[in-house]
C-alpha atoms as a PDB file:
ATOM      1  CA  MET A   1      -9.669  54.004   4.940  1.00  0.00           C
ATOM      2  CA  SER A   2     -10.104  50.741   3.068  1.00  0.00           C
ATOM      3  CA  THR A   3      -7.090  49.069   1.523  1.00  0.00           C
ATOM      4  CA  VAL A   4      -6.618  45.923  -0.549  1.00  0.00           C
ATOM      5  CA  VAL A   5      -3.529  44.199  -1.918  1.00  0.00           C
ATOM      6  CA  VAL A   6      -4.060  42.775  -5.408  1.00  0.00           C
ATOM      7  CA  TYR A   7      -1.370  40.650  -7.008  1.00  0.00           C
ATOM      8  CA  SER A   8      -0.287  38.511  -9.925  1.00  0.00           C
ATOM      9  CA  SER A   9       2.141  35.719  -9.105  1.00  0.00           C
ATOM     10  CA  GLN A  10       3.474  32.927 -11.260  1.00  0.00           C
ATOM     11  CA  THR A  11       5.910  31.107  -9.014  1.00  0.00           C
ATOM     12  CA  GLY A  12       4.853  32.314  -5.555  1.00  0.00           C
ATOM     13  CA  PHE A  13       7.340  35.066  -4.723  1.00  0.00           C
ATOM     14  CA  THR A  14       4.942  37.953  -5.439  1.00  0.00           C
ATOM     15  CA  LYS A  15       2.176  36.099  -3.600  1.00  0.00           C
ATOM     16  CA  ARG A  16       4.401  35.814  -0.527  1.00  0.00           C
ATOM     17  CA  TYR A  17       5.083  39.575  -0.519  1.00  0.00           C
ATOM     18  CA  ALA A  18       1.392  40.337  -1.134  1.00  0.00           C
ATOM     19  CA  GLU A  19       0.336  38.201   1.821  1.00  0.00           C
ATOM     20  CA  TRP A  20       2.983  39.766   4.068  1.00  0.00           C
ATOM     21  CA  LEU A  21       1.888  43.257   3.034  1.00  0.00           C
ATOM     22  CA  ALA A  22      -1.787  42.453   3.577  1.00  0.00           C
ATOM     23  CA  GLU A  23      -0.931  41.109   7.024  1.00  0.00           C
ATOM     24  CA  GLU A  24       1.001  44.281   7.884  1.00  0.00           C
ATOM     25  CA  LEU A  25      -1.781  46.525   6.580  1.00  0.00           C
ATOM     26  CA  GLY A  26      -4.618  44.489   8.101  1.00  0.00           C
ATOM     27  CA  CYS A  27      -6.370  43.943   4.787  1.00  0.00           C
ATOM     28  CA  GLN A  28      -7.000  41.140   2.331  1.00  0.00           C
ATOM     29  CA  ALA A  29      -4.773  39.968  -0.512  1.00  0.00           C
ATOM     30  CA  VAL A  30      -6.549  39.078  -3.752  1.00  0.00           C
ATOM     31  CA  SER A  31      -4.954  37.063  -6.548  1.00  0.00           C
ATOM     32  CA  LEU A  32      -5.689  38.267 -10.070  1.00  0.00           C
ATOM     33  CA  GLY A  33      -5.131  34.649 -11.087  1.00  0.00           C
ATOM     34  CA  ASP A  34      -8.191  33.668  -9.044  1.00  0.00           C
ATOM     35  CA  GLU A  35     -10.170  36.847  -9.700  1.00  0.00           C
ATOM     36  CA  PRO A  36      -8.958  38.389 -12.987  1.00  0.00           C
ATOM     37  CA  ARG A  37     -11.868  40.829 -13.057  1.00  0.00           C
ATOM     38  CA  PHE A  38     -11.453  41.958  -9.445  1.00  0.00           C
ATOM     39  CA  ASP A  39     -13.289  45.249  -8.945  1.00  0.00           C
ATOM     40  CA  ALA A  40     -11.464  47.835  -6.854  1.00  0.00           C
ATOM     41  CA  SER A  41     -14.689  49.710  -6.064  1.00  0.00           C
ATOM     42  CA  GLY A  42     -14.987  50.649  -2.438  1.00  0.00           C
ATOM     43  CA  PHE A  43     -11.250  50.796  -1.763  1.00  0.00           C
ATOM     44  CA  ASP A  44      -9.413  54.021  -1.018  1.00  0.00           C
ATOM     45  CA  VAL A  45      -6.002  52.425  -1.592  1.00  0.00           C
ATOM     46  CA  VAL A  46      -5.098  49.579  -3.921  1.00  0.00           C
ATOM     47  CA  VAL A  47      -1.638  48.044  -3.670  1.00  0.00           C
ATOM     48  CA  LEU A  48      -0.802  46.039  -6.796  1.00  0.00           C
ATOM     49  CA  GLY A  49       1.999  43.498  -6.768  1.00  0.00           C
ATOM     50  CA  GLY A  50       3.284  42.103 -10.044  1.00  0.00           C
ATOM     51  CA  TRP A  51       6.325  40.215 -11.191  1.00  0.00           C
ATOM     52  CA  LEU A  52       8.688  41.683 -13.733  1.00  0.00           C
ATOM     53  CA  HIS A  53       9.603  39.616 -16.763  1.00  0.00           C
ATOM     54  CA  ALA A  54      10.924  40.289 -20.234  1.00  0.00           C
ATOM     55  CA  GLY A  55       7.405  41.020 -21.463  1.00  0.00           C
ATOM     56  CA  GLY A  56       6.622  43.554 -18.771  1.00  0.00           C
ATOM     57  CA  LEU A  57       4.915  43.860 -15.418  1.00  0.00           C
ATOM     58  CA  ALA A  58       2.282  41.240 -14.638  1.00  0.00           C
ATOM     59  CA  GLY A  59      -0.959  42.990 -13.663  1.00  0.00           C
ATOM     60  CA  LYS A  60      -0.220  46.184 -15.601  1.00  0.00           C
ATOM     61  CA  LYS A  61      -3.303  45.868 -17.849  1.00  0.00           C
ATOM     62  CA  TRP A  62      -5.515  45.375 -14.806  1.00  0.00           C
ATOM     63  CA  LEU A  63      -3.889  48.426 -13.190  1.00  0.00           C
ATOM     64  CA  ALA A  64      -4.572  50.599 -16.245  1.00  0.00           C
ATOM     65  CA  ARG A  65      -8.256  49.569 -16.319  1.00  0.00           C
ATOM     66  CA  ALA A  66      -8.667  50.011 -12.553  1.00  0.00           C
ATOM     67  CA  ARG A  67      -7.106  53.486 -12.629  1.00  0.00           C
ATOM     68  CA  GLU A  68      -9.466  54.546 -15.428  1.00  0.00           C
ATOM     69  CA  LYS A  69     -12.493  53.389 -13.434  1.00  0.00           C
ATOM     70  CA  HIS A  70     -11.403  54.609 -10.001  1.00  0.00           C
ATOM     71  CA  LEU A  71      -9.974  58.088 -10.377  1.00  0.00           C
ATOM     72  CA  GLN A  72     -10.136  58.873  -6.647  1.00  0.00           C
ATOM     73  CA  THR A  73      -8.327  55.708  -5.588  1.00  0.00           C
ATOM     74  CA  ARG A  74      -4.685  55.809  -4.545  1.00  0.00           C
ATOM     75  CA  PHE A  75      -2.625  53.150  -6.317  1.00  0.00           C
ATOM     76  CA  VAL A  76       0.713  51.801  -5.120  1.00  0.00           C
ATOM     77  CA  VAL A  77       2.690  49.247  -7.141  1.00  0.00           C
ATOM     78  CA  PHE A  78       5.338  46.847  -5.993  1.00  0.00           C
ATOM     79  CA  ALA A  79       7.260  44.941  -8.632  1.00  0.00           C
ATOM     80  CA  VAL A  80       9.040  41.682  -7.855  1.00  0.00           C
ATOM     81  CA  GLY A  81      11.937  40.312  -9.852  1.00  0.00           C
ATOM     82  CA  ALA A  82      15.154  38.341  -9.801  1.00  0.00           C
ATOM     83  CA  THR A  83      17.409  41.376 -10.235  1.00  0.00           C
ATOM     84  CA  PRO A  84      19.292  42.332  -7.047  1.00  0.00           C
ATOM     85  CA  VAL A  85      17.899  45.519  -5.499  1.00  0.00           C
ATOM     86  CA  GLU A  86      21.419  46.947  -5.421  1.00  0.00           C
ATOM     87  CA  TRP A  87      21.382  47.128  -9.224  1.00  0.00           C
ATOM     88  CA  THR A  88      19.357  50.324  -8.997  1.00  0.00           C
ATOM     89  CA  ASP A  89      20.035  51.390 -12.586  1.00  0.00           C
ATOM     90  CA  MET A  90      18.444  48.218 -13.961  1.00  0.00           C
ATOM     91  CA  VAL A  91      15.577  48.301 -11.456  1.00  0.00           C
ATOM     92  CA  GLU A  92      14.783  51.966 -12.140  1.00  0.00           C
ATOM     93  CA  GLU A  93      14.952  51.396 -15.903  1.00  0.00           C
ATOM     94  CA  ALA A  94      12.510  48.481 -15.688  1.00  0.00           C
ATOM     95  CA  LEU A  95      10.074  50.424 -13.491  1.00  0.00           C
ATOM     96  CA  ALA A  96      10.268  53.492 -15.741  1.00  0.00           C
ATOM     97  CA  LYS A  97       9.575  51.320 -18.793  1.00  0.00           C
ATOM     98  CA  GLU A  98       6.579  49.615 -17.201  1.00  0.00           C
ATOM     99  CA  LEU A  99       5.163  52.652 -15.403  1.00  0.00           C
ATOM    100  CA  PRO A 100       6.107  55.499 -17.764  1.00  0.00           C
ATOM    101  CA  SER A 101       5.890  59.191 -17.093  1.00  0.00           C
ATOM    102  CA  PRO A 102       3.612  61.121 -17.145  1.00  0.00           C
ATOM    103  CA  GLU A 103       0.885  58.463 -17.267  1.00  0.00           C
ATOM    104  CA  PHE A 104       1.946  56.796 -14.005  1.00  0.00           C
ATOM    105  CA  ASP A 105       3.539  59.729 -12.173  1.00  0.00           C
ATOM    106  CA  ASP A 106       0.891  59.568  -9.454  1.00  0.00           C
ATOM    107  CA  VAL A 107       1.511  55.865  -8.785  1.00  0.00           C
ATOM    108  CA  GLU A 108       4.044  55.118  -6.071  1.00  0.00           C
ATOM    109  CA  ARG A 109       6.253  52.230  -7.084  1.00  0.00           C
ATOM    110  CA  PHE A 110       8.751  50.008  -5.367  1.00  0.00           C
ATOM    111  CA  TYR A 111      10.854  46.974  -6.125  1.00  0.00           C
ATOM    112  CA  LEU A 112      11.366  43.835  -4.067  1.00  0.00           C
ATOM    113  CA  ARG A 113      13.686  40.989  -4.904  1.00  0.00           C
ATOM    114  CA  GLY A 114      11.837  37.741  -5.417  1.00  0.00           C
ATOM    115  CA  GLY A 115      13.523  34.625  -6.643  1.00  0.00           C
ATOM    116  CA  PHE A 116      13.694  32.167  -9.454  1.00  0.00           C
ATOM    117  CA  ALA A 117      12.122  28.713  -9.589  1.00  0.00           C
ATOM    118  CA  TYR A 118      12.523  27.214 -13.062  1.00  0.00           C
ATOM    119  CA  GLU A 119      10.515  24.119 -12.107  1.00  0.00           C
ATOM    120  CA  ARG A 120       7.414  26.253 -11.413  1.00  0.00           C
ATOM    121  CA  LEU A 121       7.412  27.924 -14.842  1.00  0.00           C
ATOM    122  CA  GLY A 122       5.033  27.036 -17.632  1.00  0.00           C
ATOM    123  CA  LEU A 123       6.382  25.639 -20.905  1.00  0.00           C
ATOM    124  CA  PRO A 124       6.506  28.971 -22.828  1.00  0.00           C
ATOM    125  CA  ASP A 125       8.424  30.615 -19.985  1.00  0.00           C
ATOM    126  CA  LYS A 126      10.800  27.660 -19.708  1.00  0.00           C
ATOM    127  CA  LEU A 127      11.614  28.021 -23.403  1.00  0.00           C
ATOM    128  CA  ALA A 128      12.135  31.764 -23.020  1.00  0.00           C
ATOM    129  CA  MET A 129      14.444  31.153 -20.065  1.00  0.00           C
ATOM    130  CA  LYS A 130      16.547  28.717 -22.101  1.00  0.00           C
ATOM    131  CA  LEU A 131      17.113  31.526 -24.608  1.00  0.00           C
ATOM    132  CA  PHE A 132      17.869  33.925 -21.768  1.00  0.00           C
ATOM    133  CA  PHE A 133      20.449  31.518 -20.336  1.00  0.00           C
ATOM    134  CA  LYS A 134      22.168  31.222 -23.732  1.00  0.00           C
ATOM    135  CA  MET A 135      22.290  35.000 -24.067  1.00  0.00           C
ATOM    136  CA  GLN A 136      23.659  35.382 -20.523  1.00  0.00           C
ATOM    137  CA  GLU A 137      26.316  32.733 -21.199  1.00  0.00           C
ATOM    138  CA  LYS A 138      27.606  34.815 -24.123  1.00  0.00           C
ATOM    139  CA  ASN A 139      27.630  37.976 -21.998  1.00  0.00           C
ATOM    140  CA  ALA A 140      28.987  36.427 -18.796  1.00  0.00           C
ATOM    141  CA  ALA A 141      32.657  36.558 -19.795  1.00  0.00           C
ATOM    142  CA  ALA A 142      32.601  40.330 -20.256  1.00  0.00           C
ATOM    143  CA  ASP A 143      29.807  41.329 -17.864  1.00  0.00           C
ATOM    144  CA  PRO A 144      30.047  40.448 -14.152  1.00  0.00           C
ATOM    145  CA  ARG A 145      26.349  41.164 -13.675  1.00  0.00           C
ATOM    146  CA  ALA A 146      25.414  38.704 -16.409  1.00  0.00           C
ATOM    147  CA  ALA A 147      27.669  36.099 -14.788  1.00  0.00           C
ATOM    148  CA  GLU A 148      26.104  36.680 -11.359  1.00  0.00           C
ATOM    149  CA  MET A 149      22.567  36.560 -12.742  1.00  0.00           C
ATOM    150  CA  LEU A 150      23.289  33.381 -14.673  1.00  0.00           C
ATOM    151  CA  GLU A 151      24.816  31.661 -11.656  1.00  0.00           C
ATOM    152  CA  GLY A 152      21.906  32.539  -9.385  1.00  0.00           C
ATOM    153  CA  MET A 153      19.198  31.626 -11.831  1.00  0.00           C
ATOM    154  CA  ARG A 154      20.688  28.332 -12.920  1.00  0.00           C
ATOM    155  CA  GLY A 155      20.418  26.949  -9.419  1.00  0.00           C
ATOM    156  CA  GLY A 156      17.280  28.825  -8.519  1.00  0.00           C
ATOM    157  CA  PHE A 157      16.986  30.954  -5.409  1.00  0.00           C
ATOM    158  CA  ASP A 158      14.569  32.564  -3.002  1.00  0.00           C
ATOM    159  CA  GLY A 159      15.485  36.173  -2.287  1.00  0.00           C
ATOM    160  CA  THR A 160      12.245  37.137  -0.543  1.00  0.00           C
ATOM    161  CA  ASP A 161      12.685  38.965   2.724  1.00  0.00           C
ATOM    162  CA  ARG A 162       9.816  40.157   4.887  1.00  0.00           C
ATOM    163  CA  ALA A 163      12.012  42.891   6.371  1.00  0.00           C
ATOM    164  CA  ALA A 164      12.532  44.287   2.852  1.00  0.00           C
ATOM    165  CA  ILE A 165       8.904  45.408   2.734  1.00  0.00           C
ATOM    166  CA  ALA A 166       9.493  48.252   5.177  1.00  0.00           C
ATOM    167  CA  LEU A 167      12.875  49.078   3.655  1.00  0.00           C
ATOM    168  CA  ARG A 168      11.850  49.041  -0.016  1.00  0.00           C
ATOM    169  CA  LEU A 169       8.423  50.528   0.210  1.00  0.00           C
ATOM    170  CA  ASN A 170       9.958  53.576   1.863  1.00  0.00           C
ATOM    171  CA  GLY A 171       7.215  55.528   3.557  1.00  0.00           C
ATOM    172  CA  ALA A 172       4.319  54.101   1.558  1.00  0.00           C
ATOM    173  CA  VAL A 173       3.505  51.194   3.850  1.00  0.00           C
ATOM    174  CA  SER A 174       3.944  53.242   6.993  1.00  0.00           C
ATOM    175  CA  SER A 175       1.905  56.103   5.533  1.00  0.00           C
ATOM    176  CA  LEU A 176      -0.819  53.632   4.582  1.00  0.00           C
ATOM    177  CA  GLU A 177      -0.719  52.184   8.095  1.00  0.00           C
ATOM    178  CA  LEU A 178      -0.852  55.633   9.688  1.00  0.00           C
ATOM    179  CA  GLU A 179      -3.713  56.754   7.456  1.00  0.00           C
ATOM    180  CA  GLY A 180      -5.619  53.576   8.260  1.00  0.00           C
ATOM    181  CA  LYS A 181      -5.057  53.966  12.014  1.00  0.00           C
ATOM    182  CA  SER A 182      -6.042  57.627  12.003  1.00  0.00           C
ATOM    183  CA  ASP A 183      -9.186  56.846   9.985  1.00  0.00           C
ATOM    184  CA  ALA A 184     -10.031  53.980  12.332  1.00  0.00           C
ATOM    185  CA  GLY A 185      -9.824  56.324  15.299  1.00  0.00           C
ATOM    186  CA  THR A 186     -12.201  58.909  13.841  1.00  0.00           C
END
């Protein structure tokens, strides 16, 4: 079984998870930033990592095109964001919005907490974050989550955790590993 990890990363958190996953799975990690037209031909399993932002899931357009072209390929998506994983309602809502049913029902999906590095953002994203901060400031007095998010993002943080891969990806990583090992032995 041939597997590849494909990812889109702006500030490095998704890249870190993609590289860790590729290491665990014994495959390569390919950046869509370096190879935006990466062709998934020849792979049985494609793991896509993208970061969540207000505009959606980075890499989603590539995923849609790749799924159309490679109907027999198994796709797994991991989304990376600043939202704490414990806020399952917000995480599930974001994943459902970006990978709606029934179109993406066959795509396994998981969430990993990344981080926030304002200094690594491009100008448009910095401007959008200034607006986000203002909105969170208004909400912070009445909403403890908004206050927590604002506090964490103002100072920046790195919430990546290699151990979270096995925890968050449930059985997908281990099932990919087992499939790969059983295929390698045949």
